[in-house]
Amino acid sequence: MVSQQDIQRINELYRKSKAEGLTKAEEAEQKKLRKAYIAAFRNNLRGTLDSIKIQNPDGSMIDVKARHDEKMAKKAQEELEEAKKNGN
């Protein structure tokens, strides 16, 4: 998880880079902080997307992640069968 201090430091380094430039150490720090921020953002988004459920008009619930995984497995199986049929 990225702390508020890390976000403030990212912004501080950004402003400094625009105003006067960064040293090599500051550039490395900025890159490391940005990478951590993006990883935390992606993990948070993935958690949100994985927990989405859709309610059908009949009241039943569909787990979007499970449905997606089923579709991907079916697609992979079809591609494998197609490759076998074509002799690949």
PDB file of N, CA and C in Angstrom:
ATOM      1  N   MET A   1       0.839  -1.180   0.000  1.00  0.00           N
ATOM      2  CA  MET A   1       0.000   0.000   0.000  1.00  0.00           C
ATOM      3  C   MET A   1       0.879   1.237   0.000  1.00  0.00           C
ATOM      4  N   VAL A   2       0.442   2.231  -0.712  1.00  0.00           N
ATOM      5  CA  VAL A   2       1.185   3.479  -0.823  1.00  0.00           C
ATOM      6  C   VAL A   2       0.611   4.471   0.181  1.00  0.00           C
ATOM      7  N   SER A   3       1.465   5.060   0.976  1.00  0.00           N
ATOM      8  CA  SER A   3       1.014   6.009   1.997  1.00  0.00           C
ATOM      9  C   SER A   3       0.814   7.395   1.400  1.00  0.00           C
ATOM     10  N   GLN A   4       0.139   8.231   2.160  1.00  0.00           N
ATOM     11  CA  GLN A   4      -0.079   9.617   1.733  1.00  0.00           C
ATOM     12  C   GLN A   4       1.257  10.342   1.598  1.00  0.00           C
ATOM     13  N   GLN A   5       2.224   9.996   2.450  1.00  0.00           N
ATOM     14  CA  GLN A   5       3.555  10.601   2.365  1.00  0.00           C
ATOM     15  C   GLN A   5       4.240  10.242   1.053  1.00  0.00           C
ATOM     16  N   ASP A   6       4.059   8.998   0.606  1.00  0.00           N
ATOM     17  CA  ASP A   6       4.648   8.574  -0.666  1.00  0.00           C
ATOM     18  C   ASP A   6       4.044   9.363  -1.823  1.00  0.00           C
ATOM     19  N   ILE A   7       2.737   9.565  -1.788  1.00  0.00           N
ATOM     20  CA  ILE A   7       2.062  10.335  -2.842  1.00  0.00           C
ATOM     21  C   ILE A   7       2.552  11.772  -2.833  1.00  0.00           C
ATOM     22  N   GLN A   8       2.701  12.339  -1.644  1.00  0.00           N
ATOM     23  CA  GLN A   8       3.218  13.706  -1.549  1.00  0.00           C
ATOM     24  C   GLN A   8       4.633  13.791  -2.112  1.00  0.00           C
ATOM     25  N   ARG A   9       5.450  12.772  -1.836  1.00  0.00           N
ATOM     26  CA  ARG A   9       6.818  12.757  -2.345  1.00  0.00           C
ATOM     27  C   ARG A   9       6.839  12.622  -3.868  1.00  0.00           C
ATOM     28  N   ILE A  10       5.945  11.796  -4.416  1.00  0.00           N
ATOM     29  CA  ILE A  10       5.837  11.669  -5.873  1.00  0.00           C
ATOM     30  C   ILE A  10       5.530  13.030  -6.482  1.00  0.00           C
ATOM     31  N   ASN A  11       4.567  13.723  -5.911  1.00  0.00           N
ATOM     32  CA  ASN A  11       4.180  15.048  -6.422  1.00  0.00           C
ATOM     33  C   ASN A  11       5.304  16.068  -6.261  1.00  0.00           C
ATOM     34  N   GLU A  12       6.000  15.993  -5.140  1.00  0.00           N
ATOM     35  CA  GLU A  12       7.124  16.903  -4.895  1.00  0.00           C
ATOM     36  C   GLU A  12       8.224  16.689  -5.935  1.00  0.00           C
ATOM     37  N   LEU A  13       8.551  15.434  -6.191  1.00  0.00           N
ATOM     38  CA  LEU A  13       9.579  15.131  -7.192  1.00  0.00           C
ATOM     39  C   LEU A  13       9.139  15.547  -8.588  1.00  0.00           C
ATOM     40  N   TYR A  14       7.847  15.394  -8.887  1.00  0.00           N
ATOM     41  CA  TYR A  14       7.339  15.823 -10.187  1.00  0.00           C
ATOM     42  C   TYR A  14       7.519  17.338 -10.350  1.00  0.00           C
ATOM     43  N   ARG A  15       7.094  18.082  -9.336  1.00  0.00           N
ATOM     44  CA  ARG A  15       7.221  19.552  -9.426  1.00  0.00           C
ATOM     45  C   ARG A  15       8.683  19.964  -9.563  1.00  0.00           C
ATOM     46  N   LYS A  16       9.569  19.308  -8.810  1.00  0.00           N
ATOM     47  CA  LYS A  16      10.989  19.637  -8.889  1.00  0.00           C
ATOM     48  C   LYS A  16      11.545  19.307 -10.267  1.00  0.00           C
ATOM     49  N   SER A  17      11.090  18.190 -10.861  1.00  0.00           N
ATOM     50  CA  SER A  17      11.594  17.811 -12.183  1.00  0.00           C
ATOM     51  C   SER A  17      11.213  18.851 -13.228  1.00  0.00           C
ATOM     52  N   LYS A  18      10.046  19.444 -13.078  1.00  0.00           N
ATOM     53  CA  LYS A  18       9.604  20.473 -14.030  1.00  0.00           C
ATOM     54  C   LYS A  18      10.317  21.796 -13.784  1.00  0.00           C
ATOM     55  N   ALA A  19      10.613  22.114 -12.541  1.00  0.00           N
ATOM     56  CA  ALA A  19      11.212  23.396 -12.199  1.00  0.00           C
ATOM     57  C   ALA A  19      12.717  23.423 -12.444  1.00  0.00           C
ATOM     58  N   GLU A  20      13.425  22.425 -11.939  1.00  0.00           N
ATOM     59  CA  GLU A  20      14.889  22.494 -12.011  1.00  0.00           C
ATOM     60  C   GLU A  20      15.578  21.206 -12.407  1.00  0.00           C
ATOM     61  N   GLY A  21      14.849  20.133 -12.478  1.00  0.00           N
ATOM     62  CA  GLY A  21      15.447  18.845 -12.821  1.00  0.00           C
ATOM     63  C   GLY A  21      15.778  18.040 -11.581  1.00  0.00           C
ATOM     64  N   LEU A  22      15.995  16.749 -11.777  1.00  0.00           N
ATOM     65  CA  LEU A  22      16.265  15.836 -10.672  1.00  0.00           C
ATOM     66  C   LEU A  22      17.667  15.261 -10.773  1.00  0.00           C
ATOM     67  N   THR A  23      18.216  14.915  -9.617  1.00  0.00           N
ATOM     68  CA  THR A  23      19.488  14.208  -9.609  1.00  0.00           C
ATOM     69  C   THR A  23      19.209  12.746  -9.978  1.00  0.00           C
ATOM     70  N   LYS A  24      20.260  11.986 -10.222  1.00  0.00           N
ATOM     71  CA  LYS A  24      20.100  10.567 -10.559  1.00  0.00           C
ATOM     72  C   LYS A  24      19.417   9.809  -9.413  1.00  0.00           C
ATOM     73  N   ALA A  25      19.781  10.130  -8.174  1.00  0.00           N
ATOM     74  CA  ALA A  25      19.175   9.466  -7.013  1.00  0.00           C
ATOM     75  C   ALA A  25      17.692   9.801  -6.922  1.00  0.00           C
ATOM     76  N   GLU A  26      17.351  11.056  -7.181  1.00  0.00           N
ATOM     77  CA  GLU A  26      15.938  11.459  -7.132  1.00  0.00           C
ATOM     78  C   GLU A  26      15.137  10.817  -8.263  1.00  0.00           C
ATOM     79  N   GLU A  27      15.751  10.698  -9.435  1.00  0.00           N
ATOM     80  CA  GLU A  27      15.073  10.028 -10.550  1.00  0.00           C
ATOM     81  C   GLU A  27      14.792   8.563 -10.203  1.00  0.00           C
ATOM     82  N   ALA A  28      15.758   7.906  -9.571  1.00  0.00           N
ATOM     83  CA  ALA A  28      15.580   6.511  -9.165  1.00  0.00           C
ATOM     84  C   ALA A  28      14.474   6.406  -8.111  1.00  0.00           C
ATOM     85  N   GLU A  29      14.467   7.331  -7.160  1.00  0.00           N
ATOM     86  CA  GLU A  29      13.431   7.342  -6.123  1.00  0.00           C
ATOM     87  C   GLU A  29      12.056   7.565  -6.746  1.00  0.00           C
ATOM     88  N   GLN A  30      11.983   8.501  -7.681  1.00  0.00           N
ATOM     89  CA  GLN A  30      10.713   8.798  -8.353  1.00  0.00           C
ATOM     90  C   GLN A  30      10.205   7.563  -9.100  1.00  0.00           C
ATOM     91  N   LYS A  31      11.099   6.891  -9.801  1.00  0.00           N
ATOM     92  CA  LYS A  31      10.718   5.700 -10.553  1.00  0.00           C
ATOM     93  C   LYS A  31      10.209   4.604  -9.613  1.00  0.00           C
ATOM     94  N   LYS A  32      10.919   4.408  -8.495  1.00  0.00           N
ATOM     95  CA  LYS A  32      10.533   3.390  -7.515  1.00  0.00           C
ATOM     96  C   LYS A  32       9.158   3.718  -6.915  1.00  0.00           C
ATOM     97  N   LEU A  33       8.940   4.974  -6.542  1.00  0.00           N
ATOM     98  CA  LEU A  33       7.664   5.378  -5.947  1.00  0.00           C
ATOM     99  C   LEU A  33       6.516   5.238  -6.940  1.00  0.00           C
ATOM    100  N   ARG A  34       6.756   5.636  -8.174  1.00  0.00           N
ATOM    101  CA  ARG A  34       5.707   5.517  -9.199  1.00  0.00           C
ATOM    102  C   ARG A  34       5.354   4.053  -9.450  1.00  0.00           C
ATOM    103  N   LYS A  35       6.375   3.201  -9.496  1.00  0.00           N
ATOM    104  CA  LYS A  35       6.139   1.774  -9.716  1.00  0.00           C
ATOM    105  C   LYS A  35       5.289   1.192  -8.586  1.00  0.00           C
ATOM    106  N   ALA A  36       5.608   1.556  -7.350  1.00  0.00           N
ATOM    107  CA  ALA A  36       4.839   1.079  -6.197  1.00  0.00           C
ATOM    108  C   ALA A  36       3.407   1.596  -6.252  1.00  0.00           C
ATOM    109  N   TYR A  37       3.238   2.859  -6.645  1.00  0.00           N
ATOM    110  CA  TYR A  37       1.903   3.452  -6.736  1.00  0.00           C
ATOM    111  C   TYR A  37       1.063   2.730  -7.796  1.00  0.00           C
ATOM    112  N   ILE A  38       1.645   2.474  -8.941  1.00  0.00           N
ATOM    113  CA  ILE A  38       0.917   1.796 -10.026  1.00  0.00           C
ATOM    114  C   ILE A  38       0.553   0.374  -9.615  1.00  0.00           C
ATOM    115  N   ALA A  39       1.458  -0.327  -8.949  1.00  0.00           N
ATOM    116  CA  ALA A  39       1.167  -1.687  -8.487  1.00  0.00           C
ATOM    117  C   ALA A  39       0.008  -1.689  -7.495  1.00  0.00           C
ATOM    118  N   ALA A  40       0.012  -0.726  -6.565  1.00  0.00           N
ATOM    119  CA  ALA A  40      -1.073  -0.636  -5.580  1.00  0.00           C
ATOM    120  C   ALA A  40      -2.392  -0.306  -6.267  1.00  0.00           C
ATOM    121  N   PHE A  41      -2.349   0.587  -7.239  1.00  0.00           N
ATOM    122  CA  PHE A  41      -3.552   0.964  -7.978  1.00  0.00           C
ATOM    123  C   PHE A  41      -4.127  -0.247  -8.717  1.00  0.00           C
ATOM    124  N   ARG A  42      -3.266  -0.995  -9.396  1.00  0.00           N
ATOM    125  CA  ARG A  42      -3.716  -2.177 -10.137  1.00  0.00           C
ATOM    126  C   ARG A  42      -4.306  -3.239  -9.207  1.00  0.00           C
ATOM    127  N   ASN A  43      -3.654  -3.462  -8.068  1.00  0.00           N
ATOM    128  CA  ASN A  43      -4.172  -4.440  -7.111  1.00  0.00           C
ATOM    129  C   ASN A  43      -5.542  -4.027  -6.593  1.00  0.00           C
ATOM    130  N   ASN A  44      -5.702  -2.757  -6.303  1.00  0.00           N
ATOM    131  CA  ASN A  44      -6.979  -2.249  -5.831  1.00  0.00           C
ATOM    132  C   ASN A  44      -8.047  -2.413  -6.908  1.00  0.00           C
ATOM    133  N   LEU A  45      -7.728  -2.057  -8.124  1.00  0.00           N
ATOM    134  CA  LEU A  45      -8.675  -2.187  -9.230  1.00  0.00           C
ATOM    135  C   LEU A  45      -9.030  -3.651  -9.470  1.00  0.00           C
ATOM    136  N   ARG A  46      -8.042  -4.537  -9.439  1.00  0.00           N
ATOM    137  CA  ARG A  46      -8.287  -5.962  -9.640  1.00  0.00           C
ATOM    138  C   ARG A  46      -9.229  -6.495  -8.561  1.00  0.00           C
ATOM    139  N   GLY A  47      -9.013  -6.087  -7.313  1.00  0.00           N
ATOM    140  CA  GLY A  47      -9.885  -6.508  -6.219  1.00  0.00           C
ATOM    141  C   GLY A  47     -11.313  -6.034  -6.429  1.00  0.00           C
ATOM    142  N   THR A  48     -11.466  -4.821  -6.895  1.00  0.00           N
ATOM    143  CA  THR A  48     -12.799  -4.280  -7.168  1.00  0.00           C
ATOM    144  C   THR A  48     -13.467  -5.050  -8.296  1.00  0.00           C
ATOM    145  N   LEU A  49     -12.742  -5.265  -9.376  1.00  0.00           N
ATOM    146  CA  LEU A  49     -13.322  -5.961 -10.522  1.00  0.00           C
ATOM    147  C   LEU A  49     -13.650  -7.417 -10.188  1.00  0.00           C
ATOM    148  N   ASP A  50     -12.812  -8.051  -9.370  1.00  0.00           N
ATOM    149  CA  ASP A  50     -13.046  -9.446  -9.006  1.00  0.00           C
ATOM    150  C   ASP A  50     -14.277  -9.630  -8.134  1.00  0.00           C
ATOM    151  N   SER A  51     -14.698  -8.574  -7.457  1.00  0.00           N
ATOM    152  CA  SER A  51     -15.834  -8.708  -6.544  1.00  0.00           C
ATOM    153  C   SER A  51     -17.165  -8.276  -7.166  1.00  0.00           C
ATOM    154  N   ILE A  52     -17.179  -7.910  -8.428  1.00  0.00           N
ATOM    155  CA  ILE A  52     -18.410  -7.452  -9.082  1.00  0.00           C
ATOM    156  C   ILE A  52     -19.331  -8.633  -9.342  1.00  0.00           C
ATOM    157  N   LYS A  53     -20.578  -8.419  -9.011  1.00  0.00           N
ATOM    158  CA  LYS A  53     -21.616  -9.408  -9.296  1.00  0.00           C
ATOM    159  C   LYS A  53     -22.752  -8.677 -10.007  1.00  0.00           C
ATOM    160  N   ILE A  54     -23.377  -9.363 -10.959  1.00  0.00           N
ATOM    161  CA  ILE A  54     -24.475  -8.777 -11.726  1.00  0.00           C
ATOM    162  C   ILE A  54     -25.746  -9.532 -11.381  1.00  0.00           C
ATOM    163  N   GLN A  55     -26.819  -8.766 -11.139  1.00  0.00           N
ATOM    164  CA  GLN A  55     -28.091  -9.390 -10.825  1.00  0.00           C
ATOM    165  C   GLN A  55     -28.941  -9.445 -12.087  1.00  0.00           C
ATOM    166  N   ASN A  56     -29.389 -10.644 -12.429  1.00  0.00           N
ATOM    167  CA  ASN A  56     -30.271 -10.848 -13.571  1.00  0.00           C
ATOM    168  C   ASN A  56     -31.686 -10.400 -13.215  1.00  0.00           C
ATOM    169  N   PRO A  57     -32.512 -10.141 -14.232  1.00  0.00           N
ATOM    170  CA  PRO A  57     -33.901  -9.754 -13.953  1.00  0.00           C
ATOM    171  C   PRO A  57     -34.655 -10.788 -13.105  1.00  0.00           C
ATOM    172  N   ASP A  58     -34.271 -12.062 -13.206  1.00  0.00           N
ATOM    173  CA  ASP A  58     -34.946 -13.099 -12.415  1.00  0.00           C
ATOM    174  C   ASP A  58     -34.442 -13.150 -10.968  1.00  0.00           C
ATOM    175  N   GLY A  59     -33.477 -12.303 -10.632  1.00  0.00           N
ATOM    176  CA  GLY A  59     -32.967 -12.237  -9.266  1.00  0.00           C
ATOM    177  C   GLY A  59     -31.698 -13.027  -9.032  1.00  0.00           C
ATOM    178  N   SER A  60     -31.314 -13.874  -9.974  1.00  0.00           N
ATOM    179  CA  SER A  60     -30.085 -14.653  -9.805  1.00  0.00           C
ATOM    180  C   SER A  60     -28.871 -13.746  -9.961  1.00  0.00           C
ATOM    181  N   MET A  61     -27.780 -14.147  -9.317  1.00  0.00           N
ATOM    182  CA  MET A  61     -26.550 -13.359  -9.346  1.00  0.00           C
ATOM    183  C   MET A  61     -25.494 -14.072 -10.187  1.00  0.00           C
ATOM    184  N   ILE A  62     -24.747 -13.294 -10.951  1.00  0.00           N
ATOM    185  CA  ILE A  62     -23.655 -13.814 -11.762  1.00  0.00           C
ATOM    186  C   ILE A  62     -22.358 -13.230 -11.224  1.00  0.00           C
ATOM    187  N   ASP A  63     -21.407 -14.097 -10.911  1.00  0.00           N
ATOM    188  CA  ASP A  63     -20.083 -13.669 -10.493  1.00  0.00           C
ATOM    189  C   ASP A  63     -19.284 -13.407 -11.766  1.00  0.00           C
ATOM    190  N   VAL A  64     -18.961 -12.149 -12.007  1.00  0.00           N
ATOM    191  CA  VAL A  64     -18.306 -11.753 -13.255  1.00  0.00           C
ATOM    192  C   VAL A  64     -16.947 -12.432 -13.409  1.00  0.00           C
ATOM    193  N   LYS A  65     -16.177 -12.526 -12.338  1.00  0.00           N
ATOM    194  CA  LYS A  65     -14.855 -13.155 -12.419  1.00  0.00           C
ATOM    195  C   LYS A  65     -14.980 -14.625 -12.812  1.00  0.00           C
ATOM    196  N   ALA A  66     -15.893 -15.347 -12.174  1.00  0.00           N
ATOM    197  CA  ALA A  66     -16.067 -16.769 -12.494  1.00  0.00           C
ATOM    198  C   ALA A  66     -16.518 -16.941 -13.938  1.00  0.00           C
ATOM    199  N   ARG A  67     -17.422 -16.082 -14.378  1.00  0.00           N
ATOM    200  CA  ARG A  67     -17.902 -16.169 -15.761  1.00  0.00           C
ATOM    201  C   ARG A  67     -16.770 -15.895 -16.747  1.00  0.00           C
ATOM    202  N   HIS A  68     -15.960 -14.901 -16.451  1.00  0.00           N
ATOM    203  CA  HIS A  68     -14.827 -14.569 -17.319  1.00  0.00           C
ATOM    204  C   HIS A  68     -13.846 -15.742 -17.380  1.00  0.00           C
ATOM    205  N   ASP A  69     -13.538 -16.317 -16.213  1.00  0.00           N
ATOM    206  CA  ASP A  69     -12.614 -17.451 -16.179  1.00  0.00           C
ATOM    207  C   ASP A  69     -13.148 -18.627 -16.998  1.00  0.00           C
ATOM    208  N   GLU A  70     -14.452 -18.875 -16.913  1.00  0.00           N
ATOM    209  CA  GLU A  70     -15.065 -19.949 -17.701  1.00  0.00           C
ATOM    210  C   GLU A  70     -14.935 -19.675 -19.199  1.00  0.00           C
ATOM    211  N   LYS A  71     -15.198 -18.435 -19.600  1.00  0.00           N
ATOM    212  CA  LYS A  71     -15.096 -18.081 -21.019  1.00  0.00           C
ATOM    213  C   LYS A  71     -13.665 -18.229 -21.523  1.00  0.00           C
ATOM    214  N   MET A  72     -12.694 -17.804 -20.704  1.00  0.00           N
ATOM    215  CA  MET A  72     -11.296 -17.899 -21.118  1.00  0.00           C
ATOM    216  C   MET A  72     -10.868 -19.367 -21.234  1.00  0.00           C
ATOM    217  N   ALA A  73     -11.319 -20.204 -20.325  1.00  0.00           N
ATOM    218  CA  ALA A  73     -10.979 -21.630 -20.389  1.00  0.00           C
ATOM    219  C   ALA A  73     -11.602 -22.263 -21.627  1.00  0.00           C
ATOM    220  N   LYS A  74     -12.845 -21.903 -21.915  1.00  0.00           N
ATOM    221  CA  LYS A  74     -13.525 -22.439 -23.098  1.00  0.00           C
ATOM    222  C   LYS A  74     -12.813 -21.986 -24.376  1.00  0.00           C
ATOM    223  N   LYS A  75     -12.418 -20.716 -24.413  1.00  0.00           N
ATOM    224  CA  LYS A  75     -11.722 -20.184 -25.585  1.00  0.00           C
ATOM    225  C   LYS A  75     -10.378 -20.895 -25.782  1.00  0.00           C
ATOM    226  N   ALA A  76      -9.645 -21.109 -24.699  1.00  0.00           N
ATOM    227  CA  ALA A  76      -8.354 -21.796 -24.785  1.00  0.00           C
ATOM    228  C   ALA A  76      -8.541 -23.227 -25.281  1.00  0.00           C
ATOM    229  N   GLN A  77      -9.583 -23.895 -24.803  1.00  0.00           N
ATOM    230  CA  GLN A  77      -9.863 -25.264 -25.241  1.00  0.00           C
ATOM    231  C   GLN A  77     -10.205 -25.298 -26.729  1.00  0.00           C
ATOM    232  N   GLU A  78     -11.020 -24.332 -27.180  1.00  0.00           N
ATOM    233  CA  GLU A  78     -11.384 -24.268 -28.599  1.00  0.00           C
ATOM    234  C   GLU A  78     -10.162 -24.008 -29.471  1.00  0.00           C
ATOM    235  N   GLU A  79      -9.274 -23.122 -29.019  1.00  0.00           N
ATOM    236  CA  GLU A  79      -8.057 -22.838 -29.774  1.00  0.00           C
ATOM    237  C   GLU A  79      -7.158 -24.067 -29.844  1.00  0.00           C
ATOM    238  N   LEU A  80      -7.079 -24.814 -28.745  1.00  0.00           N
ATOM    239  CA  LEU A  80      -6.280 -26.036 -28.724  1.00  0.00           C
ATOM    240  C   LEU A  80      -6.849 -27.068 -29.695  1.00  0.00           C
ATOM    241  N   GLU A  81      -8.163 -27.236 -29.694  1.00  0.00           N
ATOM    242  CA  GLU A  81      -8.818 -28.180 -30.613  1.00  0.00           C
ATOM    243  C   GLU A  81      -8.622 -27.745 -32.071  1.00  0.00           C
ATOM    244  N   GLU A  82      -8.708 -26.461 -32.320  1.00  0.00           N
ATOM    245  CA  GLU A  82      -8.516 -25.940 -33.680  1.00  0.00           C
ATOM    246  C   GLU A  82      -7.099 -26.186 -34.146  1.00  0.00           C
ATOM    247  N   ALA A  83      -6.120 -25.981 -33.242  1.00  0.00           N
ATOM    248  CA  ALA A  83      -4.723 -26.221 -33.583  1.00  0.00           C
ATOM    249  C   ALA A  83      -4.480 -27.701 -33.876  1.00  0.00           C
ATOM    250  N   LYS A  84      -5.098 -28.575 -33.097  1.00  0.00           N
ATOM    251  CA  LYS A  84      -4.950 -30.014 -33.341  1.00  0.00           C
ATOM    252  C   LYS A  84      -5.570 -30.400 -34.685  1.00  0.00           C
ATOM    253  N   LYS A  85      -6.704 -29.784 -34.990  1.00  0.00           N
ATOM    254  CA  LYS A  85      -7.386 -30.073 -36.253  1.00  0.00           C
ATOM    255  C   LYS A  85      -6.545 -29.618 -37.448  1.00  0.00           C
ATOM    256  N   ASN A  86      -5.852 -28.501 -37.289  1.00  0.00           N
ATOM    257  CA  ASN A  86      -5.021 -27.964 -38.381  1.00  0.00           C
ATOM    258  C   ASN A  86      -3.630 -28.592 -38.423  1.00  0.00           C
ATOM    259  N   GLY A  87      -3.351 -29.479 -37.483  1.00  0.00           N
ATOM    260  CA  GLY A  87      -2.073 -30.179 -37.493  1.00  0.00           C
ATOM    261  C   GLY A  87      -0.925 -29.377 -36.899  1.00  0.00           C
ATOM    262  N   ASN A  88      -1.204 -28.408 -36.075  1.00  0.00           N
ATOM    263  CA  ASN A  88      -0.148 -27.595 -35.450  1.00  0.00           C
ATOM    264  C   ASN A  88       0.284 -28.152 -34.147  1.00  0.00           C
TER     265      ASN A  88
END
